[in-house]
Every structure is written in structure tokens, then in C-alpha cells.
Amino acid sequence: MKKSILSLFIVFGLFIISSFANELKNELNFTKETSCEIRKIKLYENPTWASKINLKDGKSIFFCSPKSMFEFYYTEEKWSPFGIKSLEDFKDILVTDYKTLKIINAQKAFFVYGSTKTSPAGDDLVVFESKTNAEEYAKNNNGKRVFSFFEVKNSLIRLLNGRI
């Protein structure tokens, strides 16, 4: 009986530690000196829009907005200073949920296009962890469409940048 209770506590403890470690992994951890790789804007000035790509080699690349992150993601010429050869070199892509300010996995997020809100980078995509929250936001803020990560194409990012 004592062994089974002890085993239960150990399993529960490992679960708690694992959950906490996962939260720590998803922190953006930028300072007042951290600038967007694309626009050179300081992240601390508008943390609501901040995003980050962690590389498998331990390096991190910061962005002032989801649009800037996607611009980097789709522009292979910008990768070479970081030693990136393919998307396989990307470990995590993190964005900030606009409603909760929680740091979330970008590949599981939902992006609202065409809303009335603009980021420090101008017209942008507003990010939500929940599709329901994204759809509600779009409805209340003139959003045109909700995209999953893999539905956001380079042509949309070019459109947002006025390059089409």
C-alpha cells in the first residue's frame, strides 16, 4: 500500500515538473535590448505582438509581430546568418496570444487577417490559441478571415507588407 501511494506521488510529481518545464520552454525571455530581426523594433515596447523562433542549435530569433516572423520564415535568404539550412533547423515557433498574452506554439495557433488592429509592423495577423477566440475577435474587429499556421502563405505576408 505504501509503495503504491509513493509511486502515485512520484508519477504526480513528474507530471507537475513536466508541465512546469513545458511552460518555461515557452517563455520568450527578451530584454529591453532585444530587437526584431526584420524591423529592428525593440520588443519590450509592444510585447503583445512579440514572437520568437528557437533553433535546434540553441539560438533564438525575435520578432516584433507575427507578420515579421512569417516574413523571416518564408525568406530563406535571411536564414544564412543563423546557419539555417532548412525548416528542420527550427525547434519552436512561439507567438503571443492577443487575448490572454500567453506564449503559445505558433503551429497550433489561429491568425486573424484584416482586422482593425495594427502591430508595430503595420497591418498584421492577430494571434489566438483558440479558434473560437479568433473567430469572435474577427467578428468584432472587422477581421476578414481566420487562418491556421499552415494556411498563412507568403503571398499573404507580401500583401500585408504592400508588396503585391
N, C-alpha and C. Protein backbone atom coordinates (compact mmCIF):
# COMPACT_ATOMS: atom_id res chain seq x y z
N MET A 1 0.82 -1.19 0.00
CA MET A 1 0.00 0.00 0.00
C MET A 1 0.87 1.26 0.00
N LYS A 2 1.91 1.28 0.87
CA LYS A 2 2.79 2.43 0.94
C LYS A 2 3.53 2.64 -0.37
N LYS A 3 3.94 1.51 -1.01
CA LYS A 3 4.65 1.61 -2.28
C LYS A 3 3.76 2.19 -3.37
N SER A 4 2.51 1.79 -3.39
CA SER A 4 1.60 2.31 -4.43
C SER A 4 1.32 3.80 -4.22
N ILE A 5 1.20 4.23 -2.97
CA ILE A 5 0.99 5.66 -2.69
C ILE A 5 2.24 6.44 -3.07
N LEU A 6 3.41 5.90 -2.72
CA LEU A 6 4.67 6.55 -3.07
C LEU A 6 4.81 6.64 -4.59
N SER A 7 4.48 5.57 -5.29
CA SER A 7 4.53 5.57 -6.75
C SER A 7 3.59 6.61 -7.34
N LEU A 8 2.40 6.72 -6.74
CA LEU A 8 1.44 7.71 -7.20
C LEU A 8 1.99 9.12 -7.02
N PHE A 9 2.60 9.41 -5.88
CA PHE A 9 3.20 10.72 -5.64
C PHE A 9 4.34 11.01 -6.62
N ILE A 10 5.15 10.00 -6.90
CA ILE A 10 6.25 10.19 -7.84
C ILE A 10 5.73 10.50 -9.24
N VAL A 11 4.75 9.75 -9.69
CA VAL A 11 4.17 9.98 -11.01
C VAL A 11 3.54 11.38 -11.06
N PHE A 12 2.79 11.73 -10.03
CA PHE A 12 2.16 13.06 -9.97
C PHE A 12 3.23 14.15 -9.98
N GLY A 13 4.29 13.97 -9.20
CA GLY A 13 5.38 14.94 -9.14
C GLY A 13 6.06 15.12 -10.49
N LEU A 14 6.30 14.01 -11.18
CA LEU A 14 6.91 14.10 -12.51
C LEU A 14 6.00 14.82 -13.49
N PHE A 15 4.71 14.60 -13.38
CA PHE A 15 3.74 15.28 -14.23
C PHE A 15 3.79 16.79 -13.99
N ILE A 16 3.83 17.20 -12.73
CA ILE A 16 3.89 18.63 -12.38
C ILE A 16 5.19 19.23 -12.90
N ILE A 17 6.31 18.57 -12.69
CA ILE A 17 7.60 19.07 -13.16
C ILE A 17 7.60 19.18 -14.68
N SER A 18 7.07 18.18 -15.36
CA SER A 18 7.00 18.19 -16.82
C SER A 18 6.16 19.37 -17.32
N SER A 19 5.02 19.61 -16.68
CA SER A 19 4.16 20.72 -17.08
C SER A 19 4.86 22.05 -16.87
N PHE A 20 5.55 22.19 -15.73
CA PHE A 20 6.27 23.42 -15.42
C PHE A 20 7.41 23.64 -16.42
N ALA A 21 8.13 22.59 -16.75
CA ALA A 21 9.23 22.69 -17.72
C ALA A 21 8.69 23.12 -19.08
N ASN A 22 7.53 22.60 -19.46
CA ASN A 22 6.91 22.98 -20.72
C ASN A 22 6.59 24.47 -20.74
N GLU A 23 6.06 24.99 -19.63
CA GLU A 23 5.76 26.42 -19.53
C GLU A 23 7.04 27.24 -19.67
N LEU A 24 8.10 26.83 -18.98
CA LEU A 24 9.36 27.56 -19.06
C LEU A 24 9.91 27.57 -20.48
N LYS A 25 9.75 26.48 -21.18
CA LYS A 25 10.24 26.38 -22.56
C LYS A 25 9.54 27.40 -23.45
N ASN A 26 8.31 27.73 -23.13
CA ASN A 26 7.53 28.62 -23.97
C ASN A 26 7.64 30.09 -23.59
N GLU A 27 8.60 30.46 -22.78
CA GLU A 27 8.82 31.86 -22.44
C GLU A 27 9.61 32.53 -23.57
N LEU A 28 9.28 33.77 -23.85
CA LEU A 28 10.02 34.48 -24.90
C LEU A 28 11.36 34.98 -24.39
N ASN A 29 11.44 35.37 -23.12
CA ASN A 29 12.70 35.78 -22.49
C ASN A 29 13.47 36.83 -23.29
N PHE A 30 12.84 37.97 -23.57
CA PHE A 30 13.58 39.04 -24.22
C PHE A 30 13.87 40.15 -23.20
N THR A 31 14.83 41.00 -23.52
CA THR A 31 15.23 42.10 -22.64
C THR A 31 14.88 43.43 -23.32
N LYS A 32 15.22 44.52 -22.66
CA LYS A 32 15.00 45.85 -23.25
C LYS A 32 15.86 46.06 -24.50
N GLU A 33 16.89 45.28 -24.62
CA GLU A 33 17.81 45.40 -25.76
C GLU A 33 17.40 44.54 -26.95
N THR A 34 16.48 43.61 -26.77
CA THR A 34 16.10 42.68 -27.83
C THR A 34 15.31 43.39 -28.92
N SER A 35 15.78 43.24 -30.16
CA SER A 35 15.13 43.87 -31.30
C SER A 35 14.60 42.82 -32.27
N CYS A 36 13.62 43.22 -33.05
CA CYS A 36 13.06 42.39 -34.10
C CYS A 36 14.11 42.20 -35.19
N GLU A 37 14.30 40.98 -35.61
CA GLU A 37 15.27 40.66 -36.66
C GLU A 37 14.93 41.35 -37.97
N ILE A 38 13.67 41.54 -38.28
CA ILE A 38 13.25 42.12 -39.55
C ILE A 38 13.19 43.64 -39.50
N ARG A 39 12.55 44.20 -38.47
CA ARG A 39 12.28 45.64 -38.44
C ARG A 39 13.11 46.42 -37.43
N LYS A 40 13.93 45.75 -36.66
CA LYS A 40 14.82 46.37 -35.67
C LYS A 40 14.07 47.18 -34.61
N ILE A 41 12.81 46.83 -34.36
CA ILE A 41 11.98 47.46 -33.34
C ILE A 41 12.22 46.73 -32.02
N LYS A 42 12.33 47.45 -30.91
CA LYS A 42 12.51 46.84 -29.59
C LYS A 42 11.23 46.11 -29.18
N LEU A 43 11.37 44.85 -28.78
CA LEU A 43 10.20 44.05 -28.42
C LEU A 43 9.49 44.53 -27.17
N TYR A 44 10.23 45.03 -26.19
CA TYR A 44 9.61 45.41 -24.93
C TYR A 44 8.58 46.53 -25.10
N GLU A 45 8.67 47.29 -26.19
CA GLU A 45 7.74 48.40 -26.41
C GLU A 45 6.33 47.92 -26.75
N ASN A 46 6.20 46.75 -27.35
CA ASN A 46 4.90 46.18 -27.73
C ASN A 46 4.90 44.66 -27.54
N PRO A 47 5.00 44.18 -26.31
CA PRO A 47 5.12 42.74 -26.09
C PRO A 47 3.90 41.94 -26.53
N THR A 48 2.76 42.59 -26.69
CA THR A 48 1.54 41.91 -27.12
C THR A 48 1.73 41.21 -28.47
N TRP A 49 2.62 41.73 -29.28
CA TRP A 49 2.82 41.23 -30.64
C TRP A 49 4.06 40.34 -30.78
N ALA A 50 4.84 40.18 -29.74
CA ALA A 50 6.14 39.52 -29.83
C ALA A 50 6.04 38.05 -30.25
N SER A 51 7.05 37.61 -30.99
CA SER A 51 7.17 36.21 -31.38
C SER A 51 8.64 35.83 -31.46
N LYS A 52 8.89 34.54 -31.55
CA LYS A 52 10.27 34.06 -31.49
C LYS A 52 10.38 32.71 -32.18
N ILE A 53 11.51 32.50 -32.82
CA ILE A 53 11.84 31.18 -33.37
C ILE A 53 13.06 30.68 -32.62
N ASN A 54 12.94 29.52 -32.00
CA ASN A 54 14.07 28.85 -31.37
C ASN A 54 14.63 27.85 -32.36
N LEU A 55 15.93 27.86 -32.50
CA LEU A 55 16.60 26.92 -33.39
C LEU A 55 17.12 25.72 -32.61
N LYS A 56 17.33 24.62 -33.30
CA LYS A 56 17.81 23.41 -32.66
C LYS A 56 19.21 23.58 -32.07
N ASP A 57 19.99 24.54 -32.60
CA ASP A 57 21.34 24.76 -32.08
C ASP A 57 21.35 25.66 -30.84
N GLY A 58 20.17 26.06 -30.35
CA GLY A 58 20.08 26.87 -29.14
C GLY A 58 19.92 28.36 -29.39
N LYS A 59 20.11 28.82 -30.61
CA LYS A 59 19.93 30.24 -30.92
C LYS A 59 18.45 30.58 -30.95
N SER A 60 18.14 31.85 -30.69
CA SER A 60 16.77 32.34 -30.77
C SER A 60 16.73 33.59 -31.65
N ILE A 61 15.65 33.72 -32.40
CA ILE A 61 15.46 34.87 -33.29
C ILE A 61 14.14 35.50 -32.90
N PHE A 62 14.15 36.81 -32.63
CA PHE A 62 12.99 37.51 -32.12
C PHE A 62 12.34 38.39 -33.18
N PHE A 63 11.03 38.59 -33.02
CA PHE A 63 10.26 39.38 -33.98
C PHE A 63 9.25 40.26 -33.24
N CYS A 64 8.96 41.43 -33.81
CA CYS A 64 8.04 42.38 -33.19
C CYS A 64 6.59 42.08 -33.54
N SER A 65 6.36 41.09 -34.40
CA SER A 65 4.99 40.77 -34.81
C SER A 65 4.94 39.43 -35.51
N PRO A 66 3.75 38.84 -35.60
CA PRO A 66 3.61 37.59 -36.34
C PRO A 66 3.98 37.76 -37.82
N LYS A 67 3.60 38.89 -38.40
CA LYS A 67 3.93 39.14 -39.81
C LYS A 67 5.44 39.11 -40.03
N SER A 68 6.19 39.73 -39.12
CA SER A 68 7.66 39.74 -39.23
C SER A 68 8.22 38.33 -39.11
N MET A 69 7.64 37.53 -38.19
CA MET A 69 8.09 36.15 -38.02
C MET A 69 7.85 35.36 -39.30
N PHE A 70 6.65 35.51 -39.89
CA PHE A 70 6.36 34.79 -41.14
C PHE A 70 7.25 35.30 -42.28
N GLU A 71 7.54 36.58 -42.30
CA GLU A 71 8.41 37.12 -43.34
C GLU A 71 9.79 36.44 -43.27
N PHE A 72 10.31 36.27 -42.07
CA PHE A 72 11.57 35.56 -41.89
C PHE A 72 11.42 34.09 -42.30
N TYR A 73 10.36 33.47 -41.83
CA TYR A 73 10.09 32.05 -42.09
C TYR A 73 10.08 31.76 -43.60
N TYR A 74 9.52 32.67 -44.39
CA TYR A 74 9.38 32.45 -45.83
C TYR A 74 10.54 33.02 -46.66
N THR A 75 11.52 33.67 -46.04
CA THR A 75 12.60 34.29 -46.80
C THR A 75 13.92 33.61 -46.48
N GLU A 76 14.23 32.58 -47.23
CA GLU A 76 15.42 31.77 -46.95
C GLU A 76 16.72 32.58 -46.98
N GLU A 77 16.75 33.67 -47.74
CA GLU A 77 17.97 34.49 -47.79
C GLU A 77 18.30 35.08 -46.42
N LYS A 78 17.32 35.24 -45.56
CA LYS A 78 17.54 35.81 -44.23
C LYS A 78 18.07 34.75 -43.25
N TRP A 79 18.08 33.50 -43.63
CA TRP A 79 18.45 32.41 -42.73
C TRP A 79 19.95 32.25 -42.55
N SER A 80 20.74 32.54 -43.59
CA SER A 80 22.16 32.19 -43.57
C SER A 80 22.95 32.77 -42.39
N PRO A 81 22.69 34.01 -41.91
CA PRO A 81 23.46 34.48 -40.75
C PRO A 81 23.26 33.61 -39.49
N PHE A 82 22.21 32.84 -39.47
CA PHE A 82 21.91 31.98 -38.32
C PHE A 82 22.29 30.53 -38.57
N GLY A 83 22.84 30.23 -39.74
CA GLY A 83 23.24 28.86 -40.07
C GLY A 83 22.07 27.95 -40.38
N ILE A 84 20.93 28.53 -40.72
CA ILE A 84 19.74 27.74 -41.01
C ILE A 84 19.81 27.23 -42.44
N LYS A 85 19.66 25.94 -42.62
CA LYS A 85 19.70 25.35 -43.96
C LYS A 85 18.32 24.90 -44.43
N SER A 86 17.43 24.55 -43.47
CA SER A 86 16.08 24.11 -43.83
C SER A 86 15.15 24.34 -42.64
N LEU A 87 13.88 24.13 -42.86
CA LEU A 87 12.90 24.26 -41.78
C LEU A 87 13.16 23.25 -40.66
N GLU A 88 13.91 22.21 -40.97
CA GLU A 88 14.26 21.21 -39.96
C GLU A 88 15.13 21.80 -38.85
N ASP A 89 15.78 22.93 -39.13
CA ASP A 89 16.63 23.58 -38.13
C ASP A 89 15.81 24.36 -37.10
N PHE A 90 14.51 24.56 -37.36
CA PHE A 90 13.64 25.27 -36.44
C PHE A 90 13.17 24.29 -35.36
N LYS A 91 13.30 24.69 -34.11
CA LYS A 91 12.85 23.85 -33.00
C LYS A 91 11.44 24.24 -32.57
N ASP A 92 11.25 25.51 -32.22
CA ASP A 92 9.95 26.02 -31.77
C ASP A 92 9.67 27.35 -32.47
N ILE A 93 8.41 27.59 -32.76
CA ILE A 93 7.97 28.89 -33.25
C ILE A 93 6.91 29.34 -32.25
N LEU A 94 7.19 30.44 -31.56
CA LEU A 94 6.32 30.90 -30.49
C LEU A 94 5.72 32.26 -30.81
N VAL A 95 4.47 32.44 -30.46
CA VAL A 95 3.77 33.70 -30.66
C VAL A 95 3.01 34.03 -29.37
N THR A 96 2.53 35.27 -29.28
CA THR A 96 1.79 35.73 -28.12
C THR A 96 0.30 35.77 -28.44
N ASP A 97 -0.50 35.07 -27.65
CA ASP A 97 -1.96 35.11 -27.80
C ASP A 97 -2.42 36.53 -27.47
N TYR A 98 -3.14 37.14 -28.41
CA TYR A 98 -3.54 38.54 -28.26
C TYR A 98 -4.49 38.75 -27.08
N LYS A 99 -5.34 37.79 -26.80
CA LYS A 99 -6.33 37.93 -25.73
C LYS A 99 -5.75 37.65 -24.35
N THR A 100 -4.99 36.57 -24.24
CA THR A 100 -4.50 36.13 -22.93
C THR A 100 -3.06 36.53 -22.64
N LEU A 101 -2.32 36.95 -23.67
CA LEU A 101 -0.88 37.26 -23.60
C LEU A 101 -0.04 36.04 -23.25
N LYS A 102 -0.62 34.87 -23.39
CA LYS A 102 0.08 33.61 -23.14
C LYS A 102 0.99 33.31 -24.34
N ILE A 103 2.16 32.76 -24.07
CA ILE A 103 3.08 32.37 -25.13
C ILE A 103 2.64 30.99 -25.61
N ILE A 104 2.42 30.86 -26.92
CA ILE A 104 1.86 29.62 -27.47
C ILE A 104 2.66 29.16 -28.69
N ASN A 105 2.45 27.91 -29.03
CA ASN A 105 3.07 27.30 -30.21
C ASN A 105 2.38 27.87 -31.46
N ALA A 106 3.12 28.55 -32.31
CA ALA A 106 2.56 29.19 -33.50
C ALA A 106 1.91 28.18 -34.44
N GLN A 107 2.46 26.99 -34.50
CA GLN A 107 1.92 25.99 -35.43
C GLN A 107 0.57 25.44 -35.00
N LYS A 108 0.15 25.76 -33.77
CA LYS A 108 -1.18 25.35 -33.30
C LYS A 108 -2.10 26.56 -33.13
N ALA A 109 -1.62 27.74 -33.49
CA ALA A 109 -2.37 28.99 -33.30
C ALA A 109 -3.27 29.31 -34.48
N PHE A 110 -4.11 30.31 -34.28
CA PHE A 110 -5.01 30.81 -35.32
C PHE A 110 -4.73 32.30 -35.51
N PHE A 111 -4.70 32.72 -36.76
CA PHE A 111 -4.28 34.07 -37.14
C PHE A 111 -5.43 34.79 -37.84
N VAL A 112 -5.79 35.97 -37.32
CA VAL A 112 -6.87 36.75 -37.91
C VAL A 112 -6.27 37.77 -38.87
N TYR A 113 -6.75 37.73 -40.10
CA TYR A 113 -6.33 38.66 -41.15
C TYR A 113 -7.40 39.74 -41.33
N GLY A 114 -6.95 40.98 -41.54
CA GLY A 114 -7.85 42.05 -41.95
C GLY A 114 -8.57 42.77 -40.82
N SER A 115 -8.09 42.67 -39.60
CA SER A 115 -8.79 43.35 -38.51
C SER A 115 -8.39 44.83 -38.47
N THR A 116 -9.01 45.55 -37.56
CA THR A 116 -8.73 46.98 -37.41
C THR A 116 -7.47 47.24 -36.59
N LYS A 117 -6.91 46.23 -35.95
CA LYS A 117 -5.71 46.39 -35.13
C LYS A 117 -4.45 46.31 -35.99
N THR A 118 -3.48 47.14 -35.64
CA THR A 118 -2.18 47.08 -36.32
C THR A 118 -1.08 46.87 -35.28
N SER A 119 -0.04 46.20 -35.70
CA SER A 119 1.11 45.95 -34.84
C SER A 119 2.15 47.04 -35.08
N PRO A 120 3.28 46.98 -34.39
CA PRO A 120 4.36 47.94 -34.68
C PRO A 120 4.86 47.81 -36.12
N ALA A 121 4.57 46.68 -36.76
CA ALA A 121 4.99 46.44 -38.15
C ALA A 121 3.90 46.84 -39.15
N GLY A 122 2.81 47.44 -38.67
CA GLY A 122 1.72 47.85 -39.56
C GLY A 122 0.63 46.78 -39.62
N ASP A 123 -0.02 46.67 -40.80
CA ASP A 123 -1.05 45.64 -40.97
C ASP A 123 -0.45 44.29 -40.62
N ASP A 124 -1.19 43.50 -39.85
CA ASP A 124 -0.59 42.27 -39.33
C ASP A 124 -1.65 41.22 -39.11
N LEU A 125 -1.23 40.11 -38.55
CA LEU A 125 -2.10 39.00 -38.19
C LEU A 125 -2.22 38.98 -36.67
N VAL A 126 -3.45 38.91 -36.16
CA VAL A 126 -3.68 38.86 -34.72
C VAL A 126 -3.81 37.39 -34.32
N VAL A 127 -3.08 37.00 -33.28
CA VAL A 127 -2.91 35.58 -32.92
C VAL A 127 -3.78 35.17 -31.74
N PHE A 128 -4.33 33.96 -31.86
CA PHE A 128 -5.11 33.36 -30.77
C PHE A 128 -4.81 31.88 -30.68
N GLU A 129 -4.82 31.37 -29.46
CA GLU A 129 -4.64 29.94 -29.24
C GLU A 129 -5.90 29.18 -29.63
N SER A 130 -7.05 29.79 -29.42
CA SER A 130 -8.34 29.15 -29.67
C SER A 130 -8.98 29.68 -30.95
N LYS A 131 -9.47 28.77 -31.77
CA LYS A 131 -10.17 29.18 -32.99
C LYS A 131 -11.43 29.97 -32.65
N THR A 132 -12.10 29.58 -31.59
CA THR A 132 -13.31 30.29 -31.15
C THR A 132 -12.98 31.75 -30.82
N ASN A 133 -11.89 31.97 -30.07
CA ASN A 133 -11.48 33.34 -29.74
C ASN A 133 -11.10 34.11 -31.00
N ALA A 134 -10.44 33.46 -31.93
CA ALA A 134 -10.05 34.11 -33.18
C ALA A 134 -11.29 34.51 -33.98
N GLU A 135 -12.25 33.63 -34.08
CA GLU A 135 -13.48 33.93 -34.83
C GLU A 135 -14.29 35.04 -34.16
N GLU A 136 -14.35 35.02 -32.84
CA GLU A 136 -15.06 36.07 -32.09
C GLU A 136 -14.37 37.42 -32.31
N TYR A 137 -13.04 37.42 -32.22
CA TYR A 137 -12.29 38.65 -32.44
C TYR A 137 -12.51 39.17 -33.86
N ALA A 138 -12.44 38.29 -34.83
CA ALA A 138 -12.64 38.68 -36.23
C ALA A 138 -14.02 39.32 -36.41
N LYS A 139 -15.01 38.72 -35.84
CA LYS A 139 -16.38 39.23 -35.94
C LYS A 139 -16.51 40.64 -35.35
N ASN A 140 -15.83 40.88 -34.23
CA ASN A 140 -15.95 42.16 -33.53
C ASN A 140 -14.96 43.23 -33.99
N ASN A 141 -14.00 42.86 -34.82
CA ASN A 141 -12.94 43.80 -35.22
C ASN A 141 -12.70 43.83 -36.72
N ASN A 142 -13.73 43.54 -37.49
CA ASN A 142 -13.66 43.64 -38.94
C ASN A 142 -12.67 42.66 -39.57
N GLY A 143 -12.39 41.55 -38.87
CA GLY A 143 -11.49 40.54 -39.43
C GLY A 143 -12.09 39.90 -40.66
N LYS A 144 -11.26 39.66 -41.65
CA LYS A 144 -11.74 39.09 -42.92
C LYS A 144 -11.71 37.57 -42.94
N ARG A 145 -10.70 36.99 -42.26
CA ARG A 145 -10.54 35.55 -42.32
C ARG A 145 -9.65 35.06 -41.18
N VAL A 146 -9.89 33.82 -40.75
CA VAL A 146 -9.06 33.18 -39.74
C VAL A 146 -8.27 32.07 -40.42
N PHE A 147 -6.95 32.07 -40.20
CA PHE A 147 -6.06 31.08 -40.80
C PHE A 147 -5.38 30.25 -39.72
N SER A 148 -5.10 28.99 -40.03
CA SER A 148 -4.19 28.21 -39.20
C SER A 148 -2.77 28.58 -39.65
N PHE A 149 -1.77 28.16 -38.90
CA PHE A 149 -0.38 28.46 -39.24
C PHE A 149 -0.05 28.06 -40.68
N PHE A 150 -0.42 26.85 -41.04
CA PHE A 150 -0.03 26.32 -42.34
C PHE A 150 -0.86 26.89 -43.49
N GLU A 151 -1.92 27.61 -43.16
CA GLU A 151 -2.71 28.30 -44.19
C GLU A 151 -2.17 29.69 -44.49
N VAL A 152 -1.32 30.23 -43.61
CA VAL A 152 -0.72 31.54 -43.85
C VAL A 152 0.38 31.35 -44.88
N LYS A 153 0.20 31.91 -46.05
CA LYS A 153 1.16 31.76 -47.15
C LYS A 153 2.00 33.03 -47.32
N ASN A 154 3.11 32.88 -47.98
CA ASN A 154 4.00 34.01 -48.24
C ASN A 154 3.27 35.12 -49.01
N SER A 155 2.37 34.76 -49.89
CA SER A 155 1.63 35.77 -50.65
C SER A 155 0.80 36.66 -49.72
N LEU A 156 0.25 36.11 -48.64
CA LEU A 156 -0.49 36.92 -47.68
C LEU A 156 0.45 37.87 -46.95
N ILE A 157 1.61 37.39 -46.57
CA ILE A 157 2.59 38.25 -45.89
C ILE A 157 3.04 39.37 -46.82
N ARG A 158 3.27 39.06 -48.07
CA ARG A 158 3.64 40.09 -49.05
C ARG A 158 2.52 41.11 -49.21
N LEU A 159 1.28 40.65 -49.23
CA LEU A 159 0.12 41.55 -49.30
C LEU A 159 0.09 42.49 -48.09
N LEU A 160 0.28 41.93 -46.90
CA LEU A 160 0.29 42.75 -45.69
C LEU A 160 1.41 43.79 -45.72
N ASN A 161 2.52 43.45 -46.37
CA ASN A 161 3.65 44.37 -46.50
C ASN A 161 3.51 45.32 -47.69
N GLY A 162 2.43 45.19 -48.44
CA GLY A 162 2.23 46.05 -49.61
C GLY A 162 3.13 45.71 -50.77
N ARG A 163 3.52 44.44 -50.87
CA ARG A 163 4.47 44.02 -51.92
C ARG A 163 3.82 43.16 -53.00
N ILE A 164 2.52 43.32 -53.21
CA ILE A 164 1.88 42.54 -54.28
C ILE A 164 1.38 43.50 -55.33
